[in-house]
Amino acid sequence: MTDAVSSTDEDRALKERHRAMWALGDYPALATNVVSSLGPALVAACDIGQGDRVLDVAAGSGNAAIPAARAGADVVASDLTPELLDAGRESAERDGLALSWAAGRCRGSSVQRQRV
């Protein structure tokens, strides 16, 4: 096996372990109880507003993506863990917000994703 193939296989295995780890617990509840103020603070600090385009990598359940959409941005939230994106999508829909949710990975300047 070449180094490139081995590296790709190792990368896939690591990403799968991370995805499984984040799906184990109730991350959305943790995010709500522990870091809920960080998303709105980040959106304000970056002066995100109407018409801005936001790619939230490792979005989880939308801690930053949802506040960015609430501010009027066009948002794509991407994460390795579809279960977290499902929780974020449900929360955004309850608030009447439209975001794109993409399960997958981001590498370099290209985004490899699958809409969920």
N, C-alpha and C. Protein backbone atom coordinates (compact mmCIF):
# COMPACT_ATOMS: atom_id res chain seq x y z
N MET A 1 0.85 -1.17 0.00
CA MET A 1 0.00 0.00 0.00
C MET A 1 0.90 1.24 0.00
N THR A 2 0.55 2.20 -0.83
CA THR A 2 1.36 3.42 -0.89
C THR A 2 1.06 4.32 0.29
N ASP A 3 1.96 5.27 0.52
CA ASP A 3 1.75 6.22 1.62
C ASP A 3 0.47 7.02 1.43
N ALA A 4 0.17 7.41 0.18
CA ALA A 4 -1.03 8.21 -0.09
C ALA A 4 -2.29 7.42 0.23
N VAL A 5 -2.33 6.16 -0.16
CA VAL A 5 -3.50 5.33 0.11
C VAL A 5 -3.64 5.11 1.61
N SER A 6 -2.52 4.80 2.26
CA SER A 6 -2.54 4.58 3.70
C SER A 6 -3.01 5.83 4.43
N SER A 7 -2.52 6.99 4.01
CA SER A 7 -2.91 8.25 4.62
C SER A 7 -4.40 8.52 4.43
N THR A 8 -4.92 8.23 3.25
CA THR A 8 -6.34 8.43 2.98
C THR A 8 -7.18 7.51 3.85
N ASP A 9 -6.78 6.25 3.95
CA ASP A 9 -7.50 5.30 4.79
C ASP A 9 -7.47 5.72 6.26
N GLU A 10 -6.31 6.17 6.71
CA GLU A 10 -6.19 6.63 8.10
C GLU A 10 -7.06 7.86 8.34
N ASP A 11 -7.10 8.77 7.37
CA ASP A 11 -7.92 9.97 7.47
C ASP A 11 -9.40 9.59 7.58
N ARG A 12 -9.83 8.68 6.74
CA ARG A 12 -11.23 8.23 6.79
C ARG A 12 -11.57 7.60 8.13
N ALA A 13 -10.67 6.76 8.61
CA ALA A 13 -10.90 6.08 9.89
C ALA A 13 -10.97 7.09 11.04
N LEU A 14 -10.08 8.07 11.04
CA LEU A 14 -10.10 9.10 12.08
C LEU A 14 -11.39 9.90 12.03
N LYS A 15 -11.81 10.29 10.85
CA LYS A 15 -13.05 11.07 10.72
C LYS A 15 -14.25 10.25 11.20
N GLU A 16 -14.26 8.96 10.91
CA GLU A 16 -15.37 8.11 11.36
C GLU A 16 -15.37 7.99 12.88
N ARG A 17 -14.18 7.87 13.48
CA ARG A 17 -14.12 7.82 14.94
C ARG A 17 -14.62 9.12 15.56
N HIS A 18 -14.25 10.25 14.97
CA HIS A 18 -14.72 11.54 15.47
C HIS A 18 -16.23 11.67 15.32
N ARG A 19 -16.75 11.28 14.16
CA ARG A 19 -18.20 11.35 13.94
C ARG A 19 -18.93 10.52 14.99
N ALA A 20 -18.45 9.32 15.22
CA ALA A 20 -19.09 8.43 16.20
C ALA A 20 -18.99 9.01 17.61
N MET A 21 -17.85 9.60 17.94
CA MET A 21 -17.67 10.18 19.27
C MET A 21 -18.68 11.31 19.52
N TRP A 22 -18.84 12.21 18.55
CA TRP A 22 -19.76 13.34 18.74
C TRP A 22 -21.20 12.88 18.77
N ALA A 23 -21.50 11.72 18.20
CA ALA A 23 -22.87 11.22 18.19
C ALA A 23 -23.22 10.47 19.48
N LEU A 24 -22.25 10.20 20.33
CA LEU A 24 -22.48 9.40 21.54
C LEU A 24 -23.38 10.06 22.57
N GLY A 25 -23.17 11.32 22.83
CA GLY A 25 -23.89 11.99 23.91
C GLY A 25 -24.91 12.97 23.39
N ASP A 26 -25.39 13.80 24.27
CA ASP A 26 -26.37 14.81 23.90
C ASP A 26 -25.66 16.14 23.72
N TYR A 27 -24.87 16.23 22.64
CA TYR A 27 -24.11 17.46 22.39
C TYR A 27 -25.02 18.68 22.27
N PRO A 28 -26.18 18.59 21.60
CA PRO A 28 -27.03 19.79 21.52
C PRO A 28 -27.39 20.35 22.90
N ALA A 29 -27.66 19.48 23.87
CA ALA A 29 -27.97 19.96 25.22
C ALA A 29 -26.74 20.60 25.85
N LEU A 30 -25.58 19.99 25.67
CA LEU A 30 -24.34 20.56 26.18
C LEU A 30 -24.10 21.94 25.58
N ALA A 31 -24.28 22.04 24.27
CA ALA A 31 -24.06 23.32 23.59
C ALA A 31 -25.02 24.38 24.12
N THR A 32 -26.27 24.01 24.33
CA THR A 32 -27.26 24.95 24.85
C THR A 32 -26.89 25.42 26.25
N ASN A 33 -26.45 24.50 27.08
CA ASN A 33 -26.17 24.83 28.48
C ASN A 33 -24.80 25.45 28.72
N VAL A 34 -23.83 25.19 27.84
CA VAL A 34 -22.46 25.61 28.13
C VAL A 34 -21.96 26.70 27.19
N VAL A 35 -22.23 26.59 25.90
CA VAL A 35 -21.62 27.53 24.94
C VAL A 35 -22.64 28.31 24.12
N SER A 36 -23.87 28.39 24.59
CA SER A 36 -24.92 29.03 23.78
C SER A 36 -24.64 30.49 23.47
N SER A 37 -23.90 31.19 24.31
CA SER A 37 -23.64 32.61 24.06
C SER A 37 -22.51 32.83 23.06
N LEU A 38 -21.73 31.80 22.76
CA LEU A 38 -20.58 31.98 21.88
C LEU A 38 -20.97 32.24 20.43
N GLY A 39 -22.00 31.55 19.93
CA GLY A 39 -22.42 31.75 18.54
C GLY A 39 -22.84 33.18 18.27
N PRO A 40 -23.78 33.72 19.04
CA PRO A 40 -24.17 35.11 18.82
C PRO A 40 -23.00 36.09 19.00
N ALA A 41 -22.10 35.81 19.95
CA ALA A 41 -20.94 36.68 20.15
C ALA A 41 -20.02 36.65 18.93
N LEU A 42 -19.83 35.47 18.35
CA LEU A 42 -19.01 35.33 17.15
C LEU A 42 -19.63 36.07 15.98
N VAL A 43 -20.93 35.91 15.80
CA VAL A 43 -21.64 36.59 14.71
C VAL A 43 -21.50 38.11 14.86
N ALA A 44 -21.66 38.61 16.06
CA ALA A 44 -21.52 40.05 16.31
C ALA A 44 -20.08 40.51 16.08
N ALA A 45 -19.10 39.75 16.57
CA ALA A 45 -17.70 40.13 16.43
C ALA A 45 -17.26 40.17 14.97
N CYS A 46 -17.85 39.29 14.16
CA CYS A 46 -17.52 39.24 12.73
C CYS A 46 -18.41 40.17 11.90
N ASP A 47 -19.32 40.86 12.57
CA ASP A 47 -20.25 41.78 11.91
C ASP A 47 -21.00 41.10 10.77
N ILE A 48 -21.47 39.89 11.03
CA ILE A 48 -22.22 39.13 10.03
C ILE A 48 -23.63 39.69 9.96
N GLY A 49 -24.09 39.90 8.73
CA GLY A 49 -25.43 40.47 8.57
C GLY A 49 -26.06 40.08 7.25
N GLN A 50 -27.10 40.82 6.91
CA GLN A 50 -27.89 40.56 5.71
C GLN A 50 -27.00 40.43 4.49
N GLY A 51 -27.18 39.33 3.75
CA GLY A 51 -26.48 39.12 2.50
C GLY A 51 -25.10 38.51 2.61
N ASP A 52 -24.55 38.40 3.81
CA ASP A 52 -23.25 37.76 3.96
C ASP A 52 -23.40 36.26 3.70
N ARG A 53 -22.32 35.64 3.23
CA ARG A 53 -22.30 34.20 3.02
C ARG A 53 -21.40 33.58 4.07
N VAL A 54 -21.93 32.57 4.77
CA VAL A 54 -21.21 31.95 5.88
C VAL A 54 -21.13 30.44 5.66
N LEU A 55 -19.92 29.90 5.78
CA LEU A 55 -19.72 28.45 5.81
C LEU A 55 -19.25 28.13 7.22
N ASP A 56 -20.07 27.42 7.96
CA ASP A 56 -19.74 27.02 9.33
C ASP A 56 -19.25 25.58 9.28
N VAL A 57 -17.94 25.41 9.41
CA VAL A 57 -17.31 24.09 9.40
C VAL A 57 -17.29 23.57 10.83
N ALA A 58 -17.64 22.31 11.01
CA ALA A 58 -17.79 21.71 12.34
C ALA A 58 -18.91 22.43 13.08
N ALA A 59 -20.03 22.60 12.39
CA ALA A 59 -21.16 23.39 12.88
C ALA A 59 -21.88 22.75 14.04
N GLY A 60 -21.73 21.45 14.20
CA GLY A 60 -22.47 20.78 15.27
C GLY A 60 -23.96 20.99 15.10
N SER A 61 -24.61 21.44 16.14
CA SER A 61 -26.06 21.65 16.08
C SER A 61 -26.41 23.10 15.75
N GLY A 62 -25.45 23.84 15.22
CA GLY A 62 -25.76 25.18 14.72
C GLY A 62 -25.49 26.31 15.67
N ASN A 63 -24.58 26.14 16.62
CA ASN A 63 -24.31 27.17 17.63
C ASN A 63 -23.99 28.52 17.02
N ALA A 64 -23.24 28.55 15.92
CA ALA A 64 -22.92 29.80 15.24
C ALA A 64 -23.75 29.96 13.97
N ALA A 65 -24.06 28.85 13.31
CA ALA A 65 -24.80 28.92 12.04
C ALA A 65 -26.18 29.53 12.22
N ILE A 66 -26.88 29.13 13.25
CA ILE A 66 -28.25 29.63 13.47
C ILE A 66 -28.24 31.12 13.78
N PRO A 67 -27.38 31.62 14.67
CA PRO A 67 -27.33 33.07 14.87
C PRO A 67 -26.93 33.83 13.60
N ALA A 68 -26.06 33.25 12.78
CA ALA A 68 -25.69 33.91 11.52
C ALA A 68 -26.90 34.01 10.59
N ALA A 69 -27.68 32.94 10.51
CA ALA A 69 -28.90 32.97 9.69
C ALA A 69 -29.90 33.98 10.26
N ARG A 70 -30.00 34.02 11.56
CA ARG A 70 -30.91 34.97 12.22
C ARG A 70 -30.51 36.41 11.88
N ALA A 71 -29.20 36.64 11.68
CA ALA A 71 -28.70 37.98 11.32
C ALA A 71 -28.90 38.29 9.85
N GLY A 72 -29.40 37.32 9.08
CA GLY A 72 -29.68 37.55 7.67
C GLY A 72 -28.69 36.97 6.69
N ALA A 73 -27.71 36.23 7.18
CA ALA A 73 -26.70 35.64 6.30
C ALA A 73 -27.25 34.41 5.59
N ASP A 74 -26.65 34.10 4.44
CA ASP A 74 -26.90 32.87 3.70
C ASP A 74 -25.90 31.85 4.26
N VAL A 75 -26.38 30.82 4.95
CA VAL A 75 -25.51 29.95 5.74
C VAL A 75 -25.53 28.51 5.25
N VAL A 76 -24.34 27.92 5.17
CA VAL A 76 -24.18 26.48 5.00
C VAL A 76 -23.50 25.98 6.27
N ALA A 77 -24.15 25.06 6.96
CA ALA A 77 -23.60 24.46 8.17
C ALA A 77 -23.14 23.05 7.83
N SER A 78 -21.86 22.76 8.04
CA SER A 78 -21.29 21.47 7.69
C SER A 78 -20.71 20.80 8.93
N ASP A 79 -20.91 19.49 9.03
CA ASP A 79 -20.36 18.73 10.15
C ASP A 79 -20.22 17.28 9.75
N LEU A 80 -19.32 16.57 10.41
CA LEU A 80 -19.15 15.13 10.16
C LEU A 80 -20.29 14.31 10.73
N THR A 81 -21.06 14.88 11.65
CA THR A 81 -22.04 14.11 12.42
C THR A 81 -23.46 14.50 12.03
N PRO A 82 -24.10 13.69 11.19
CA PRO A 82 -25.46 14.02 10.74
C PRO A 82 -26.46 14.20 11.89
N GLU A 83 -26.26 13.46 12.98
CA GLU A 83 -27.19 13.58 14.11
C GLU A 83 -27.19 14.99 14.69
N LEU A 84 -26.03 15.63 14.72
CA LEU A 84 -25.96 17.00 15.22
C LEU A 84 -26.63 17.96 14.25
N LEU A 85 -26.42 17.73 12.96
CA LEU A 85 -27.07 18.59 11.96
C LEU A 85 -28.58 18.45 12.04
N ASP A 86 -29.06 17.24 12.29
CA ASP A 86 -30.51 17.03 12.44
C ASP A 86 -31.06 17.88 13.58
N ALA A 87 -30.34 17.90 14.70
CA ALA A 87 -30.78 18.71 15.85
C ALA A 87 -30.77 20.19 15.50
N GLY A 88 -29.74 20.63 14.79
CA GLY A 88 -29.67 22.03 14.38
C GLY A 88 -30.77 22.40 13.41
N ARG A 89 -31.04 21.50 12.47
CA ARG A 89 -32.10 21.75 11.49
C ARG A 89 -33.44 21.91 12.20
N GLU A 90 -33.72 21.04 13.15
CA GLU A 90 -34.98 21.13 13.90
C GLU A 90 -35.09 22.46 14.65
N SER A 91 -34.00 22.87 15.26
CA SER A 91 -34.00 24.14 15.99
C SER A 91 -34.22 25.32 15.05
N ALA A 92 -33.52 25.31 13.92
CA ALA A 92 -33.67 26.40 12.95
C ALA A 92 -35.10 26.45 12.41
N GLU A 93 -35.67 25.29 12.12
CA GLU A 93 -37.04 25.26 11.61
C GLU A 93 -38.03 25.79 12.64
N ARG A 94 -37.82 25.47 13.90
CA ARG A 94 -38.70 26.01 14.97
C ARG A 94 -38.64 27.54 15.00
N ASP A 95 -37.47 28.09 14.67
CA ASP A 95 -37.29 29.54 14.67
C ASP A 95 -37.63 30.17 13.32
N GLY A 96 -38.05 29.35 12.35
CA GLY A 96 -38.41 29.86 11.03
C GLY A 96 -37.21 30.31 10.20
N LEU A 97 -36.05 29.70 10.44
CA LEU A 97 -34.83 30.07 9.73
C LEU A 97 -34.50 29.06 8.65
N ALA A 98 -33.99 29.54 7.53
CA ALA A 98 -33.61 28.67 6.42
C ALA A 98 -32.09 28.64 6.31
N LEU A 99 -31.51 27.47 6.47
CA LEU A 99 -30.08 27.24 6.32
C LEU A 99 -29.89 26.01 5.46
N SER A 100 -28.71 25.87 4.89
CA SER A 100 -28.34 24.62 4.22
C SER A 100 -27.52 23.81 5.21
N TRP A 101 -27.83 22.53 5.31
CA TRP A 101 -27.14 21.64 6.24
C TRP A 101 -26.43 20.58 5.41
N ALA A 102 -25.12 20.39 5.62
CA ALA A 102 -24.33 19.48 4.80
C ALA A 102 -23.48 18.56 5.68
N ALA A 103 -23.75 17.27 5.58
CA ALA A 103 -22.93 16.29 6.30
C ALA A 103 -21.72 15.99 5.44
N GLY A 104 -20.55 16.12 6.00
CA GLY A 104 -19.35 15.85 5.24
C GLY A 104 -18.15 16.51 5.85
N ARG A 105 -17.16 16.70 5.04
CA ARG A 105 -15.91 17.26 5.52
C ARG A 105 -15.46 18.40 4.63
N CYS A 106 -14.68 19.25 5.18
CA CYS A 106 -14.10 20.36 4.43
C CYS A 106 -12.59 20.18 4.48
N ARG A 107 -11.98 20.32 3.34
CA ARG A 107 -10.53 20.15 3.28
C ARG A 107 -9.97 21.20 2.32
N GLY A 108 -8.99 21.92 2.77
CA GLY A 108 -8.36 22.93 1.92
C GLY A 108 -9.38 23.95 1.46
N SER A 109 -9.32 24.28 0.19
CA SER A 109 -10.23 25.30 -0.33
C SER A 109 -11.50 24.70 -0.91
N SER A 110 -11.59 23.38 -0.92
CA SER A 110 -12.80 22.76 -1.48
C SER A 110 -13.66 22.20 -0.36
N VAL A 111 -14.94 22.23 -0.59
CA VAL A 111 -15.89 21.68 0.38
C VAL A 111 -16.48 20.43 -0.24
N GLN A 112 -16.25 19.30 0.41
CA GLN A 112 -16.85 18.05 -0.03
C GLN A 112 -18.01 17.79 0.90
N ARG A 113 -19.21 17.78 0.36
CA ARG A 113 -20.36 17.66 1.25
C ARG A 113 -21.49 16.90 0.59
N GLN A 114 -22.37 16.48 1.41
CA GLN A 114 -23.59 15.82 0.97
C GLN A 114 -24.72 16.49 1.72
N ARG A 115 -25.66 17.05 0.97
CA ARG A 115 -26.79 17.72 1.63
C ARG A 115 -27.61 16.68 2.37
N VAL A 116 -28.04 17.03 3.58
CA VAL A 116 -28.84 16.11 4.39
C VAL A 116 -30.19 16.72 4.68
